[in-house]
C-alpha atoms as a PDB file:
ATOM      1  CA  MET A   1      96.332 233.385  40.110  1.00  0.00           C
ATOM      2  CA  ALA A   2      92.967 234.037  40.360  1.00  0.00           C
ATOM      3  CA  GLY A   3      90.743 235.976  37.862  1.00  0.00           C
ATOM      4  CA  GLU A   4      93.067 235.895  35.333  1.00  0.00           C
ATOM      5  CA  THR A   5      91.859 234.178  31.596  1.00  0.00           C
ATOM      6  CA  THR A   6      93.365 230.829  30.668  1.00  0.00           C
ATOM      7  CA  LEU A   7      93.618 229.622  27.407  1.00  0.00           C
ATOM      8  CA  THR A   8      95.125 226.544  25.594  1.00  0.00           C
ATOM      9  CA  ILE A   9      95.569 226.617  21.995  1.00  0.00           C
ATOM     10  CA  VAL A  10      96.665 224.223  18.997  1.00  0.00           C
ATOM     11  CA  GLY A  11      98.204 225.548  16.096  1.00  0.00           C
ATOM     12  CA  ASN A  12     101.126 225.791  13.696  1.00  0.00           C
ATOM     13  CA  LEU A  13     104.002 228.356  14.671  1.00  0.00           C
ATOM     14  CA  THR A  14     103.767 231.398  11.099  1.00  0.00           C
ATOM     15  CA  ALA A  15     107.672 231.713  12.028  1.00  0.00           C
ATOM     16  CA  ASP A  16     110.897 231.303  13.729  1.00  0.00           C
ATOM     17  CA  PRO A  17     110.579 232.854  17.722  1.00  0.00           C
ATOM     18  CA  GLU A  18     111.644 235.748  17.807  1.00  0.00           C
ATOM     19  CA  ILE A  19     114.594 235.950  21.064  1.00  0.00           C
ATOM     20  CA  ARG A  20     115.559 239.155  22.577  1.00  0.00           C
ATOM     21  CA  THR A  21     116.414 240.971  25.960  1.00  0.00           C
ATOM     22  CA  ILE A  22     115.424 244.010  27.380  1.00  0.00           C
ATOM     23  CA  GLY A  23     116.954 246.177  29.506  1.00  0.00           C
ATOM     24  CA  THR A  24     116.476 244.683  33.395  1.00  0.00           C
ATOM     25  CA  GLY A  25     118.588 241.268  31.302  1.00  0.00           C
ATOM     26  CA  ALA A  26     115.040 239.220  30.761  1.00  0.00           C
ATOM     27  CA  THR A  27     114.789 237.258  27.649  1.00  0.00           C
ATOM     28  CA  VAL A  28     111.531 237.323  25.875  1.00  0.00           C
ATOM     29  CA  ALA A  29     110.625 235.199  22.985  1.00  0.00           C
ATOM     30  CA  ASN A  30     107.542 236.366  20.686  1.00  0.00           C
ATOM     31  CA  PHE A  31     106.138 234.171  17.856  1.00  0.00           C
ATOM     32  CA  THR A  32     102.736 233.666  16.378  1.00  0.00           C
ATOM     33  CA  VAL A  33     100.413 230.621  16.519  1.00  0.00           C
ATOM     34  CA  ALA A  34      97.932 229.657  13.741  1.00  0.00           C
ATOM     35  CA  SER A  35      95.031 227.958  14.588  1.00  0.00           C
ATOM     36  CA  THR A  36      92.349 226.954  11.824  1.00  0.00           C
ATOM     37  CA  PRO A  37      89.514 224.615  13.001  1.00  0.00           C
ATOM     38  CA  HIS A  38      88.255 221.904  10.712  1.00  0.00           C
ATOM     39  CA  VAL A  39      84.523 222.492  10.010  1.00  0.00           C
ATOM     40  CA  TRP A  40      81.745 219.538   8.669  1.00  0.00           C
ATOM     41  CA  ASN A  41      80.029 220.645   5.496  1.00  0.00           C
ATOM     42  CA  ARG A  42      76.731 218.774   5.336  1.00  0.00           C
ATOM     43  CA  GLN A  43      76.170 220.023   2.035  1.00  0.00           C
ATOM     44  CA  THR A  44      79.534 218.616   1.075  1.00  0.00           C
ATOM     45  CA  ASN A  45      80.011 215.764   3.554  1.00  0.00           C
ATOM     46  CA  GLN A  46      83.637 216.592   4.043  1.00  0.00           C
ATOM     47  CA  TYR A  47      85.495 218.967   6.880  1.00  0.00           C
ATOM     48  CA  GLU A  48      86.137 222.425   5.353  1.00  0.00           C
ATOM     49  CA  ASP A  49      88.727 225.160   6.983  1.00  0.00           C
ATOM     50  CA  GLY A  50      87.113 227.036   9.190  1.00  0.00           C
ATOM     51  CA  GLN A  51      88.714 231.134   9.510  1.00  0.00           C
ATOM     52  CA  THR A  52      92.466 231.435  11.269  1.00  0.00           C
ATOM     53  CA  LEU A  53      92.844 232.843  14.435  1.00  0.00           C
ATOM     54  CA  PHE A  54      96.411 233.989  14.559  1.00  0.00           C
ATOM     55  CA  MET A  55      97.227 234.418  18.330  1.00  0.00           C
ATOM     56  CA  CYS A  56     100.261 236.452  19.071  1.00  0.00           C
ATOM     57  CA  CYS A  57     102.211 234.931  21.948  1.00  0.00           C
ATOM     58  CA  SER A  58     104.860 235.610  24.292  1.00  0.00           C
ATOM     59  CA  ALA A  59     107.402 233.615  26.711  1.00  0.00           C
ATOM     60  CA  TRP A  60     110.101 234.741  29.565  1.00  0.00           C
ATOM     61  CA  ARG A  61     113.029 234.353  30.712  1.00  0.00           C
ATOM     62  CA  ASP A  62     114.673 230.038  30.316  1.00  0.00           C
ATOM     63  CA  LEU A  63     111.345 229.277  28.423  1.00  0.00           C
ATOM     64  CA  ALA A  64     111.772 231.844  26.036  1.00  0.00           C
ATOM     65  CA  ALA A  65     115.446 230.106  25.708  1.00  0.00           C
ATOM     66  CA  HIS A  66     113.806 226.725  25.460  1.00  0.00           C
ATOM     67  CA  ILE A  67     111.747 227.901  22.556  1.00  0.00           C
ATOM     68  CA  ALA A  68     114.466 229.992  20.664  1.00  0.00           C
ATOM     69  CA  GLN A  69     116.509 226.757  20.431  1.00  0.00           C
ATOM     70  CA  SER A  70     113.578 223.957  20.242  1.00  0.00           C
ATOM     71  CA  LEU A  71     110.838 225.335  18.004  1.00  0.00           C
ATOM     72  CA  LYS A  72     110.844 226.597  14.341  1.00  0.00           C
ATOM     73  CA  LYS A  73     108.353 227.857  11.429  1.00  0.00           C
ATOM     74  CA  GLY A  74     105.727 225.207  10.931  1.00  0.00           C
ATOM     75  CA  VAL A  75     105.983 223.590  13.856  1.00  0.00           C
ATOM     76  CA  ARG A  76     102.402 222.346  15.505  1.00  0.00           C
ATOM     77  CA  VAL A  77     102.263 223.262  19.028  1.00  0.00           C
ATOM     78  CA  ILE A  78     100.323 222.947  22.001  1.00  0.00           C
ATOM     79  CA  VAL A  79     100.003 226.575  24.088  1.00  0.00           C
ATOM     80  CA  THR A  80      98.986 227.211  27.141  1.00  0.00           C
ATOM     81  CA  GLY A  81      98.828 230.738  29.099  1.00  0.00           C
ATOM     82  CA  ARG A  82      97.298 233.622  30.214  1.00  0.00           C
ATOM     83  CA  LEU A  83      95.036 236.332  27.890  1.00  0.00           C
ATOM     84  CA  LEU A  84      96.467 239.347  28.076  1.00  0.00           C
ATOM     85  CA  GLN A  85      95.416 242.956  26.969  1.00  0.00           C
ATOM     86  CA  ARG A  86      97.814 245.592  26.506  1.00  0.00           C
ATOM     87  CA  SER A  87      97.889 249.136  25.118  1.00  0.00           C
ATOM     88  CA  TYR A  88     100.749 250.893  23.143  1.00  0.00           C
ATOM     89  CA  GLN A  89     101.562 254.301  21.611  1.00  0.00           C
ATOM     90  CA  ALA A  90     103.126 253.515  17.917  1.00  0.00           C
ATOM     91  CA  GLN A  91     105.509 255.622  15.926  1.00  0.00           C
ATOM     92  CA  ASP A  92     103.313 257.032  14.460  1.00  0.00           C
ATOM     93  CA  GLY A  93     101.676 258.448  17.327  1.00  0.00           C
ATOM     94  CA  VAL A  94      98.367 256.267  17.604  1.00  0.00           C
ATOM     95  CA  ASN A  95      97.452 254.273  20.430  1.00  0.00           C
ATOM     96  CA  ARG A  96      97.052 250.464  19.669  1.00  0.00           C
ATOM     97  CA  THR A  97      95.603 247.705  22.000  1.00  0.00           C
ATOM     98  CA  ILE A  98      96.378 244.522  21.750  1.00  0.00           C
ATOM     99  CA  VAL A  99      95.558 240.779  23.115  1.00  0.00           C
ATOM    100  CA  GLU A 100      98.463 238.250  23.708  1.00  0.00           C
ATOM    101  CA  LEU A 101      99.140 235.274  25.074  1.00  0.00           C
ATOM    102  CA  GLN A 102     101.986 234.989  28.056  1.00  0.00           C
ATOM    103  CA  VAL A 103     103.189 231.558  27.635  1.00  0.00           C
ATOM    104  CA  ASP A 104     102.893 229.143  30.835  1.00  0.00           C
ATOM    105  CA  GLU A 105     103.596 225.901  29.177  1.00  0.00           C
ATOM    106  CA  ILE A 106     104.010 224.849  25.364  1.00  0.00           C
ATOM    107  CA  GLY A 107     105.327 221.792  23.430  1.00  0.00           C
ATOM    108  CA  PRO A 108     105.242 219.932  19.688  1.00  0.00           C
ATOM    109  CA  SER A 109     102.043 218.562  19.439  1.00  0.00           C
ATOM    110  CA  LEU A 110     103.194 214.628  18.803  1.00  0.00           C
ATOM    111  CA  ARG A 111      99.412 214.483  16.415  1.00  0.00           C
ATOM    112  CA  TYR A 112     101.030 214.345  13.682  1.00  0.00           C
ATOM    113  CA  ALA A 113     104.885 213.971  14.212  1.00  0.00           C
ATOM    114  CA  VAL A 114     107.511 212.369  16.749  1.00  0.00           C
ATOM    115  CA  ALA A 115     109.600 214.308  19.330  1.00  0.00           C
ATOM    116  CA  ALA A 116     112.740 213.477  21.203  1.00  0.00           C
ATOM    117  CA  VAL A 117     112.410 215.067  24.595  1.00  0.00           C
ATOM    118  CA  ALA A 118     115.380 215.627  26.608  1.00  0.00           C
ATOM    119  CA  LYS A 119     116.349 217.219  30.191  1.00  0.00           C
ATOM    120  CA  GLN A 120     118.122 221.080  29.704  1.00  0.00           C
ATOM    121  CA  SER A 121     120.447 221.246  32.813  1.00  0.00           C
ATOM    122  CA  LYS A 122     121.152 224.502  34.978  1.00  0.00           C
ATOM    123  CA  PRO A 123     125.302 224.811  34.855  1.00  0.00           C
ATOM    124  CA  ASN A 124     125.622 222.476  38.159  1.00  0.00           C
ATOM    125  CA  GLY A 125     122.635 219.830  36.711  1.00  0.00           C
ATOM    126  CA  PHE A 126     121.715 218.138  39.946  1.00  0.00           C
ATOM    127  CA  GLN A 127     121.084 220.014  42.972  1.00  0.00           C
ATOM    128  CA  ASN A 128     120.589 219.041  46.608  1.00  0.00           C
ATOM    129  CA  ASN A 129     117.556 220.298  47.881  1.00  0.00           C
ATOM    130  CA  GLN A 130     116.965 221.349  51.339  1.00  0.00           C
ATOM    131  CA  GLN A 131     116.352 218.118  53.228  1.00  0.00           C
ATOM    132  CA  GLY A 132     119.163 216.970  51.605  1.00  0.00           C
ATOM    133  CA  GLN A 133     117.789 214.948  48.208  1.00  0.00           C
ATOM    134  CA  GLN A 134     118.849 215.308  44.920  1.00  0.00           C
ATOM    135  CA  SER A 135     116.527 216.691  42.681  1.00  0.00           C
ATOM    136  CA  TYR A 136     116.998 217.257  38.985  1.00  0.00           C
ATOM    137  CA  SER A 137     116.675 221.083  37.678  1.00  0.00           C
ATOM    138  CA  GLY A 138     116.013 221.767  34.013  1.00  0.00           C
ATOM    139  CA  GLY A 139     113.303 222.251  31.183  1.00  0.00           C
ATOM    140  CA  SER A 140     113.292 219.975  27.735  1.00  0.00           C
ATOM    141  CA  THR A 141     114.760 220.617  24.258  1.00  0.00           C
ATOM    142  CA  TYR A 142     112.723 219.569  21.164  1.00  0.00           C
ATOM    143  CA  GLY A 143     114.148 217.266  18.730  1.00  0.00           C
ATOM    144  CA  ASN A 144     118.259 217.810  20.252  1.00  0.00           C
ATOM    145  CA  PRO A 145     118.348 215.181  22.947  1.00  0.00           C
ATOM    146  CA  GLN A 146     122.203 215.743  22.833  1.00  0.00           C
ATOM    147  CA  GLN A 147     121.901 218.625  25.084  1.00  0.00           C
ATOM    148  CA  SER A 148     120.502 215.961  27.652  1.00  0.00           C
ATOM    149  CA  GLY A 149     121.074 216.901  31.700  1.00  0.00           C
ATOM    150  CA  TRP A 150     120.335 213.455  32.400  1.00  0.00           C
ATOM    151  CA  GLN A 151     123.139 212.413  30.585  1.00  0.00           C
ATOM    152  CA  GLN A 152     124.885 212.848  33.722  1.00  0.00           C
ATOM    153  CA  ALA A 153     124.707 210.498  36.674  1.00  0.00           C
ATOM    154  CA  ALA A 154     120.993 209.536  37.918  1.00  0.00           C
ATOM    155  CA  PRO A 155     121.152 209.642  41.727  1.00  0.00           C
ATOM    156  CA  GLN A 156     121.358 206.106  43.459  1.00  0.00           C
ATOM    157  CA  PRO A 157     118.427 204.420  45.534  1.00  0.00           C
ATOM    158  CA  ALA A 158     118.836 204.933  49.260  1.00  0.00           C
ATOM    159  CA  ALA A 159     121.000 201.040  50.840  1.00  0.00           C
ATOM    160  CA  ASN A 160     117.115 200.283  52.332  1.00  0.00           C
ATOM    161  CA  ASP A 161     115.092 200.462  49.327  1.00  0.00           C
ATOM    162  CA  PRO A 162     114.035 197.432  47.886  1.00  0.00           C
ATOM    163  CA  PHE A 163     112.731 199.088  44.513  1.00  0.00           C
ATOM    164  CA  GLY A 164     116.135 199.873  44.235  1.00  0.00           C
ATOM    165  CA  GLN A 165     117.855 197.023  44.231  1.00  0.00           C
ATOM    166  CA  PRO A 166     118.623 195.716  41.006  1.00  0.00           C
ATOM    167  CA  GLN A 167     116.459 192.826  39.739  1.00  0.00           C
ATOM    168  CA  GLN A 168     117.821 189.043  38.920  1.00  0.00           C
ATOM    169  CA  PRO A 169     117.337 187.326  35.977  1.00  0.00           C
ATOM    170  CA  GLN A 170     114.711 184.489  36.364  1.00  0.00           C
ATOM    171  CA  SER A 171     114.566 181.377  34.265  1.00  0.00           C
ATOM    172  CA  GLN A 172     112.222 180.207  32.191  1.00  0.00           C
ATOM    173  CA  GLU A 173     110.215 178.119  34.942  1.00  0.00           C
ATOM    174  CA  GLN A 174     110.293 181.129  37.284  1.00  0.00           C
ATOM    175  CA  ASP A 175     109.041 183.329  35.070  1.00  0.00           C
ATOM    176  CA  PRO A 176     104.919 183.496  34.499  1.00  0.00           C
ATOM    177  CA  TRP A 177     105.069 185.746  31.371  1.00  0.00           C
ATOM    178  CA  ALA A 178     107.239 183.574  29.809  1.00  0.00           C
ATOM    179  CA  SER A 179     105.827 182.001  26.772  1.00  0.00           C
ATOM    180  CA  SER A 180     107.119 178.829  24.799  1.00  0.00           C
ATOM    181  CA  GLN A 181     105.032 179.749  22.032  1.00  0.00           C
ATOM    182  CA  PRO A 182     106.116 182.227  19.102  1.00  0.00           C
ATOM    183  CA  ALA A 183     104.920 185.361  19.026  1.00  0.00           C
ATOM    184  CA  PRO A 184     102.588 185.771  15.918  1.00  0.00           C
ATOM    185  CA  PRO A 185     103.540 188.073  12.938  1.00  0.00           C
ATOM    186  CA  ALA A 186     103.298 191.741  13.047  1.00  0.00           C
ATOM    187  CA  ASP A 187     102.128 192.096   9.408  1.00  0.00           C
ATOM    188  CA  GLY A 188     100.157 189.034   9.349  1.00  0.00           C
ATOM    189  CA  PRO A 189      96.932 189.165   8.544  1.00  0.00           C
ATOM    190  CA  HIS A 190      94.979 189.745  11.433  1.00  0.00           C
ATOM    191  CA  ASP A 191      97.025 193.466  12.139  1.00  0.00           C
ATOM    192  CA  PRO A 192      94.742 196.245  12.076  1.00  0.00           C
ATOM    193  CA  GLU A 193      96.435 199.389   9.967  1.00  0.00           C
ATOM    194  CA  PHE A 194      95.818 202.955  11.804  1.00  0.00           C
END
């Protein structure tokens, strides 16, 4: 929406996401992301931790359920959303104002970790859209590929689709990329380390 302040933050979850259902039946997940910048110190010639930002975040409905299933304390995430300010009256009667990030998108950071992404299907999995074509409706799970909606049969390509036809194996004479020379060893002296 126009006029809203959007923000992307990278950091670690400080605790497991808390999920609850409000009176209207909508599900909300609340969690905090801690983001610590690393600043170069010219005197010591090394990086030092800057001041940590603790950002309160909230996600709603299906996204809330996916977050609760996928993310745990300590997981490094990338979060994009809209910065909102809201006021409320605390139990002690004091009016308080907080700033929070209403999450639009979230995912694990792959800088220091790997993740397995799997589609989360609705009860019907594939659904027909208005043109009669099949489309997939779902989300993703982090680290739980057994809950994949893609385990169902994929839609078949149209009969007149030349790219949908299975590829016939080529002989080595017909394949311009085939090489009769063996590949060099991956762990040889010329293999750069990362």
